[in-house]
Protein backbone atom coordinates (compact mmCIF):
# COMPACT_ATOMS: atom_id res chain seq x y z
CA MET A 1 0.00 0.00 0.00
CA SER A 2 1.40 3.36 -1.04
CA PRO A 3 2.03 6.13 1.53
CA LYS A 4 -0.65 8.27 -0.10
CA VAL A 5 -3.33 5.64 0.36
CA THR A 6 -2.23 5.07 3.95
CA LEU A 7 -2.48 8.81 4.67
CA VAL A 8 -5.98 9.02 3.20
CA ALA A 9 -7.15 6.01 5.24
CA THR A 10 -5.74 7.56 8.42
CA LEU A 11 -7.48 10.88 7.73
CA VAL A 12 -10.78 9.10 7.11
CA LYS A 13 -10.47 7.25 10.41
CA LEU A 14 -9.69 10.47 12.26
CA ALA A 15 -12.67 12.19 10.61
CA CYS A 16 -14.99 9.35 11.62
CA ALA A 17 -13.67 9.45 15.18
CA GLY A 18 -14.19 13.23 15.27
CA VAL A 19 -17.77 12.91 14.02
CA VAL A 20 -18.55 10.23 16.61
CA ALA A 21 -16.99 12.34 19.39
CA ALA A 22 -18.98 15.41 18.33
CA LEU A 23 -22.17 13.35 18.22
CA LEU A 24 -21.55 11.97 21.70
CA PHE A 25 -20.78 15.48 22.97
CA VAL A 26 -24.11 16.78 21.63
CA ILE A 27 -25.96 13.86 23.21
CA VAL A 28 -24.30 14.44 26.59
CA VAL A 29 -24.99 18.20 26.50
CA ASN A 30 -28.63 17.61 25.57
CA GLY A 31 -28.90 15.06 28.34
CA ILE A 32 -27.54 17.58 30.83
CA LYS A 33 -29.76 20.40 29.61
CA ASN A 34 -32.77 18.08 29.23
CA PRO A 35 -34.42 20.42 26.71
CA ASN A 36 -38.15 20.84 26.37
CA GLU A 37 -39.04 21.83 22.83
CA ARG A 38 -42.76 22.15 23.59
CA ALA A 39 -42.20 24.87 26.22
CA ASP A 40 -42.40 27.99 24.06
CA ARG A 41 -44.29 30.53 26.22
CA HIS A 42 -42.17 32.86 28.35
CA PHE A 43 -42.91 34.06 31.90
CA VAL A 44 -41.08 35.84 34.73
CA ALA A 45 -41.19 35.32 38.52
CA ASP A 46 -39.50 37.18 41.38
CA PHE A 47 -37.68 35.27 44.14
CA THR A 48 -35.84 36.48 47.23
CA ASP A 49 -33.41 33.53 47.05
CA VAL A 50 -32.62 31.16 44.17
CA SER A 51 -29.48 29.50 45.57
CA GLY A 52 -28.76 26.28 43.68
CA LEU A 53 -31.04 27.15 40.75
CA HIS A 54 -29.36 27.64 37.37
CA VAL A 55 -30.25 28.33 33.77
CA ASP A 56 -31.72 25.24 32.03
CA GLY A 57 -33.10 24.10 35.37
CA ASP A 58 -36.42 22.29 35.33
CA ILE A 59 -39.90 23.69 35.88
CA ARG A 60 -41.93 20.78 37.24
CA SER A 61 -45.52 20.14 38.19
CA LYS A 62 -46.12 17.08 40.40
CA GLY A 63 -42.67 15.80 39.42
CA VAL A 64 -43.22 16.10 35.65
CA GLN A 65 -41.13 18.55 33.61
CA VAL A 66 -43.34 21.24 32.09
CA GLY A 67 -40.78 23.95 31.31
CA LYS A 68 -37.22 25.25 31.62
CA VAL A 69 -35.46 28.15 33.33
CA THR A 70 -34.16 30.50 30.64
CA SER A 71 -32.58 33.35 32.63
CA ILE A 72 -31.71 34.50 36.16
CA ASP A 73 -31.09 38.21 36.73
CA LEU A 74 -30.27 39.89 40.05
CA ILE A 75 -31.73 43.37 40.58
CA ARG A 76 -32.31 45.84 43.42
CA GLN A 77 -35.93 46.57 44.16
CA GLY A 78 -37.45 48.24 47.21
CA GLY A 79 -34.11 48.30 49.03
CA ARG A 80 -33.49 44.56 48.69
CA SER A 81 -32.06 42.14 46.16
CA ILE A 82 -34.54 40.31 43.95
CA ALA A 83 -33.84 37.48 41.51
CA LYS A 84 -35.91 37.70 38.34
CA VAL A 85 -36.23 34.20 36.92
CA GLY A 86 -37.32 33.84 33.31
CA PHE A 87 -38.80 30.50 32.33
CA THR A 88 -40.94 28.77 29.75
CA LEU A 89 -44.02 26.60 30.09
CA GLU A 90 -45.58 24.11 27.74
CA LYS A 91 -49.28 23.93 27.03
CA PRO A 92 -51.74 23.60 28.71
CA PHE A 93 -49.95 24.98 31.81
CA GLU A 94 -50.59 28.64 32.54
CA LEU A 95 -49.38 31.23 35.02
CA THR A 96 -52.28 32.69 37.00
CA ASP A 97 -52.62 35.17 39.83
CA ASN A 98 -53.04 32.32 42.35
CA THR A 99 -50.20 30.13 41.06
CA VAL A 100 -47.39 29.37 43.53
CA LEU A 101 -43.78 28.74 42.47
CA ALA A 102 -41.30 27.20 44.91
CA VAL A 103 -37.58 26.48 44.56
CA LYS A 104 -37.06 22.91 45.75
CA TYR A 105 -34.23 20.41 46.08
CA GLN A 106 -33.85 18.08 43.10
CA ASN A 107 -31.27 15.94 44.91
CA LEU A 108 -28.91 16.06 47.89
CA THR A 109 -26.06 17.49 45.77
CA GLY A 110 -27.77 20.88 45.96
CA ILE A 111 -29.33 21.12 42.49
CA ARG A 112 -32.73 22.80 42.60
CA TYR A 113 -35.77 23.03 40.36
CA VAL A 114 -38.87 25.24 40.35
CA ASP A 115 -42.07 23.53 41.42
CA LEU A 116 -45.25 24.80 39.77
CA GLN A 117 -48.21 24.37 42.11
CA VAL A 118 -51.37 24.43 40.04
CA PRO A 119 -54.29 25.89 42.03
CA ALA A 120 -57.57 24.03 42.33
CA GLN A 121 -59.51 27.14 41.34
CA PRO A 122 -58.44 28.78 38.06
CA GLY A 123 -57.30 32.38 38.30
CA GLN A 124 -56.61 35.25 35.97
CA ARG A 125 -53.82 34.66 33.45
CA ILE A 126 -50.66 36.70 34.02
CA ASP A 127 -47.05 36.59 32.83
CA HIS A 128 -45.28 37.83 35.99
CA LEU A 129 -45.34 36.60 39.61
CA THR A 130 -44.20 38.69 42.58
CA THR A 131 -42.42 37.47 45.71
CA GLN A 132 -45.80 37.15 47.45
CA GLN A 133 -46.51 34.08 45.31
CA THR A 134 -43.06 32.49 45.30
CA ARG A 135 -41.17 30.48 47.88
CA PRO A 136 -37.43 31.02 47.94
CA SER A 137 -34.64 28.49 48.16
CA PHE A 138 -33.13 27.54 51.52
CA ASP A 139 -29.80 26.16 52.68
CA ILE A 140 -30.32 22.73 54.26
CA THR A 141 -26.89 22.93 55.94
CA GLN A 142 -28.36 25.50 58.35
CA LEU A 143 -30.28 22.61 59.86
CA PHE A 144 -27.05 21.09 61.20
CA ASN A 145 -25.74 24.17 63.03
CA GLY A 146 -24.78 23.11 66.56
CA LEU A 147 -25.33 19.39 65.85
CA GLN A 148 -21.83 18.54 64.65
CA PRO A 149 -20.91 16.36 67.70
CA VAL A 150 -24.02 14.23 67.19
CA LEU A 151 -23.61 14.01 63.43
CA ALA A 152 -20.04 12.76 63.91
CA THR A 153 -21.45 9.56 65.44
CA MET A 154 -23.85 8.92 62.53
CA SER A 155 -23.14 7.06 59.32
CA THR A 156 -23.41 8.67 55.90
CA ASP A 157 -26.62 6.81 55.12
CA GLN A 158 -28.21 7.97 58.37
CA ILE A 159 -27.25 11.60 57.69
CA ASN A 160 -28.58 11.37 54.12
CA ALA A 161 -31.86 9.86 55.35
CA PHE A 162 -32.19 12.57 57.99
CA THR A 163 -31.45 15.30 55.43
CA GLN A 164 -33.92 13.87 52.92
CA ASN A 165 -36.67 13.69 55.55
CA ALA A 166 -35.94 17.29 56.55
CA ILE A 167 -36.13 18.44 52.93
CA THR A 168 -39.40 16.56 52.46
CA LEU A 169 -40.82 18.22 55.56
CA LEU A 170 -39.68 21.73 54.64
CA GLN A 171 -40.83 21.47 51.04
CA GLY A 172 -44.15 19.87 51.91
CA ASP A 173 -43.75 16.94 49.52
CA GLY A 174 -46.15 14.34 50.90
CA GLY A 175 -46.25 12.96 54.44
CA GLY A 176 -42.91 14.17 55.71
CA LEU A 177 -43.90 14.75 59.34
CA ALA A 178 -43.81 11.12 60.55
CA PRO A 179 -40.40 10.28 58.95
CA MET A 180 -38.97 13.54 60.31
CA MET A 181 -40.16 12.81 63.85
CA ASP A 182 -38.65 9.32 63.55
CA SER A 183 -35.34 10.85 62.42
CA VAL A 184 -35.42 13.29 65.34
CA GLN A 185 -35.95 10.36 67.72
CA LYS A 186 -32.96 8.48 66.25
CA LEU A 187 -30.86 11.64 66.42
CA ALA A 188 -31.81 12.20 70.06
CA ASP A 189 -30.98 8.58 70.94
CA MET A 190 -27.38 9.22 69.90
CA ALA A 191 -27.01 12.32 72.07
CA ARG A 192 -26.32 12.65 75.78
CA ASP A 193 -28.41 15.81 76.12
CA ARG A 194 -31.61 15.06 74.20
CA GLN A 195 -33.30 18.29 75.26
CA GLN A 196 -30.44 20.36 73.82
CA VAL A 197 -30.49 18.43 70.52
CA ILE A 198 -34.25 18.82 70.04
CA SER A 199 -34.10 22.48 71.05
CA THR A 200 -31.27 23.20 68.59
CA LEU A 201 -32.97 21.29 65.80
CA THR A 202 -36.29 23.05 66.35
CA SER A 203 -34.56 26.43 66.38
CA ASN A 204 -32.76 25.66 63.11
CA ILE A 205 -35.97 24.54 61.41
CA ALA A 206 -37.73 27.69 62.63
CA HIS A 207 -34.89 29.80 61.19
CA ILE A 208 -35.19 28.07 57.81
CA SER A 209 -38.96 28.48 57.92
CA ASP A 210 -38.51 32.22 58.53
CA SER A 211 -36.22 32.43 55.50
CA MET A 212 -38.98 30.78 53.46
CA GLY A 213 -41.42 33.47 54.53
CA GLY A 214 -43.22 31.25 57.02
CA ARG A 215 -45.33 29.70 54.25
CA SER A 216 -44.73 26.04 55.04
CA PRO A 217 -47.64 24.44 56.94
CA GLN A 218 -45.67 21.20 57.30
CA VAL A 219 -43.04 23.04 59.34
CA MET A 220 -45.76 24.39 61.62
CA ASP A 221 -47.07 20.84 62.10
CA PHE A 222 -43.58 19.75 63.12
CA MET A 223 -43.22 22.68 65.51
CA HIS A 224 -46.54 21.85 67.17
CA ALA A 225 -45.63 18.15 67.37
CA ALA A 226 -42.31 19.01 69.03
CA GLU A 227 -43.97 21.55 71.32
CA ILE A 228 -46.40 19.06 72.88
CA PRO A 229 -43.84 16.74 74.58
CA ILE A 230 -41.66 19.69 75.60
CA ASP A 231 -44.59 21.48 77.26
CA LYS A 232 -45.68 18.29 79.01
CA ALA A 233 -42.15 17.72 80.29
CA ASN A 234 -41.88 21.30 81.57
CA SER A 235 -45.16 20.95 83.49
CA ILE A 236 -43.82 18.02 85.55
CA LEU A 237 -40.17 18.97 86.04
CA ASP A 238 -40.49 18.51 89.82
CA LYS A 239 -41.62 14.92 89.28
CA PHE A 240 -38.35 14.09 87.53
CA TYR A 241 -36.48 15.01 90.74
CA GLU A 242 -38.83 12.88 92.85
CA THR A 243 -38.44 9.95 90.48
CA SER A 244 -34.65 10.16 90.48
CA THR A 245 -34.57 10.49 94.29
CA PHE A 246 -37.19 8.05 95.52
CA GLY A 247 -37.30 5.60 92.64
CA PRO A 248 -33.87 3.92 92.83
CA GLU A 249 -33.44 4.57 96.58
CA PHE A 250 -36.72 2.83 97.38
CA MET A 251 -36.79 0.06 94.79
CA THR A 252 -33.20 -1.09 95.31
CA PRO A 253 -33.68 -2.30 98.93
CA VAL A 254 -37.12 -3.72 98.05
CA HIS A 255 -35.59 -5.70 95.24
CA ARG A 256 -32.80 -6.90 97.51
CA LEU A 257 -35.36 -7.97 100.15
CA ILE A 258 -37.41 -9.91 97.61
CA VAL A 259 -34.30 -11.67 96.35
CA GLU A 260 -33.27 -12.59 99.92
CA LEU A 261 -36.73 -14.13 100.44
CA GLY A 262 -36.03 -16.41 97.52
CA LEU A 263 -38.46 -14.79 95.08
CA ASN A 264 -36.16 -14.62 92.10
CA GLY A 265 -36.02 -16.06 88.62
CA GLU A 266 -35.06 -19.48 89.96
CA PHE A 267 -38.07 -19.69 92.32
CA ASP A 268 -40.03 -22.93 91.66
CA VAL A 269 -43.62 -22.79 92.92
CA ASP A 270 -44.32 -26.46 92.11
CA GLN A 271 -41.33 -27.64 94.10
CA LEU A 272 -42.36 -25.48 97.07
CA LEU A 273 -45.88 -26.94 97.09
CA GLN A 274 -44.59 -30.50 96.80
CA HIS A 275 -42.19 -29.91 99.68
CA THR A 276 -44.87 -28.30 101.89
CA PHE A 277 -47.74 -30.71 101.20
CA SER A 278 -46.95 -34.38 100.85
CA SER A 279 -50.31 -35.16 99.24
CA LEU A 280 -53.43 -33.48 97.90
CA PRO A 281 -55.59 -34.41 100.94
CA ALA A 282 -52.99 -32.83 103.22
CA ALA A 283 -53.20 -29.62 101.20
CA ALA A 284 -57.00 -29.67 101.41
CA ASN A 285 -56.90 -30.14 105.19
CA ALA A 286 -54.48 -27.24 105.53
CA LEU A 287 -56.72 -24.95 103.50
CA ARG A 288 -59.75 -26.07 105.54
CA LEU A 289 -58.08 -24.95 108.75
CA LEU A 290 -57.11 -21.58 107.31
CA PRO A 291 -60.28 -19.65 108.42
CA VAL A 292 -59.92 -20.93 111.99
CA THR A 293 -56.26 -19.96 112.03
CA LEU A 294 -56.98 -16.45 110.78
CA ALA A 295 -59.74 -16.02 113.36
CA GLY A 296 -57.31 -16.97 116.12
CA LEU A 297 -54.78 -14.40 114.86
CA GLN A 298 -57.14 -11.45 115.27
CA LEU A 299 -55.54 -8.54 117.09
CA PRO A 300 -57.22 -7.26 120.29
CA ALA A 301 -57.55 -3.79 118.75
CA MET A 302 -59.62 -5.25 115.96
CA ALA A 303 -62.00 -6.96 118.36
CA SER A 304 -65.30 -5.32 119.14
CA GLY A 305 -64.89 -5.14 122.93
CA GLN A 306 -68.52 -6.17 123.41
CA THR A 307 -69.58 -9.80 123.65
CA LEU A 308 -72.44 -10.39 121.31
CA GLY A 309 -74.99 -12.95 122.48
CA CYS A 310 -78.33 -14.37 121.45
CA SER A 311 -81.35 -12.86 123.24
CA LYS A 312 -83.46 -15.97 122.57
CA GLY A 313 -80.76 -18.55 122.99
CA VAL A 314 -78.43 -20.49 120.74
CA VAL A 315 -79.68 -23.01 118.23
CA LYS A 316 -78.42 -26.53 118.77
CA LEU A 317 -76.81 -27.56 115.50
CA PRO A 318 -76.85 -31.12 114.20
CA THR A 319 -73.63 -33.12 114.31
CA ASP A 320 -73.05 -33.01 110.54
CA VAL A 321 -73.31 -29.20 110.53
CA LYS A 322 -70.76 -28.97 113.37
CA VAL A 323 -68.40 -31.11 111.33
CA LEU A 324 -68.92 -28.83 108.35
CA LEU A 325 -68.13 -25.68 110.36
CA ASN A 326 -65.01 -27.41 111.75
CA GLY A 327 -64.72 -25.25 114.87
CA SER A 328 -65.13 -21.87 113.17
CA GLU A 329 -66.57 -19.07 115.29
CA VAL A 330 -70.10 -19.20 113.89
CA VAL A 331 -73.08 -18.83 116.26
CA ALA A 332 -76.66 -19.54 115.17
CA CYS A 333 -79.37 -17.82 117.24
CA ASN A 334 -83.05 -18.66 117.73
CA LYS A 335 -85.59 -16.41 116.09
């Protein structure tokens, strides 16, 4: 093969490799951008915080992509910084005066998307939303302020689960209250001062809720759920001292006394009965004499002091009745 032919073959191979590389690059870029060709109507919304949101971010409704973020511009308005977010929506989704947009976590790496909450009642069509109808982004790391010693004892999976439950609660995505309370319980179990952990965690969640404008009913549910046990505990703080003082100090000698009497885990009731009563008739005779024995053990203070008699005399009982009474202090009087 001549050098010229070899050179041409090499150039063709390089060209094919370049075309394939360019094709793969376009596919990867499109996969990252996740374009939505049907979203061709443009809208604008104002946010006080869009941390983690970027151009080409998703606009989603109930988890389904319905548009894309096209621009993010920072401006000064009314003495504060406002982020104007331009985005597109596909049909039939519309922006109305009662639509709510919220910046939410897409994953734990910090990437966000805009959630479009479609109202039940249709409103008037508009093309611009103010900050009154938007919920800003929040920094989930604020939740861990002051909890570093406890988090150091947790595994990565436990921290991720706790973070995900907190995000679910703060964003209001489904039933996040029960998993969050369970995560708080697990977090408190790993701490020496549970009250301090719960107090710090509640304070951090309240701070994040304030940054969101206080428009998260799920956070309020969590605050009320955490408030109930704390209030109940504060109402009986004096009982904790009594329990710590009298509980162990009283129960320890009682337990020792019971053990000394032989009432422990090795106590065998069957063996005791077999040792005490040689046969079933002997046990029956012992039980039959029990009322007479108890009557003879009466204390003088418990006695009446007056001797009760029969005004019309005592009835003479037949022999079989006397045997039945077996010497018990029973007196039958004449009518």
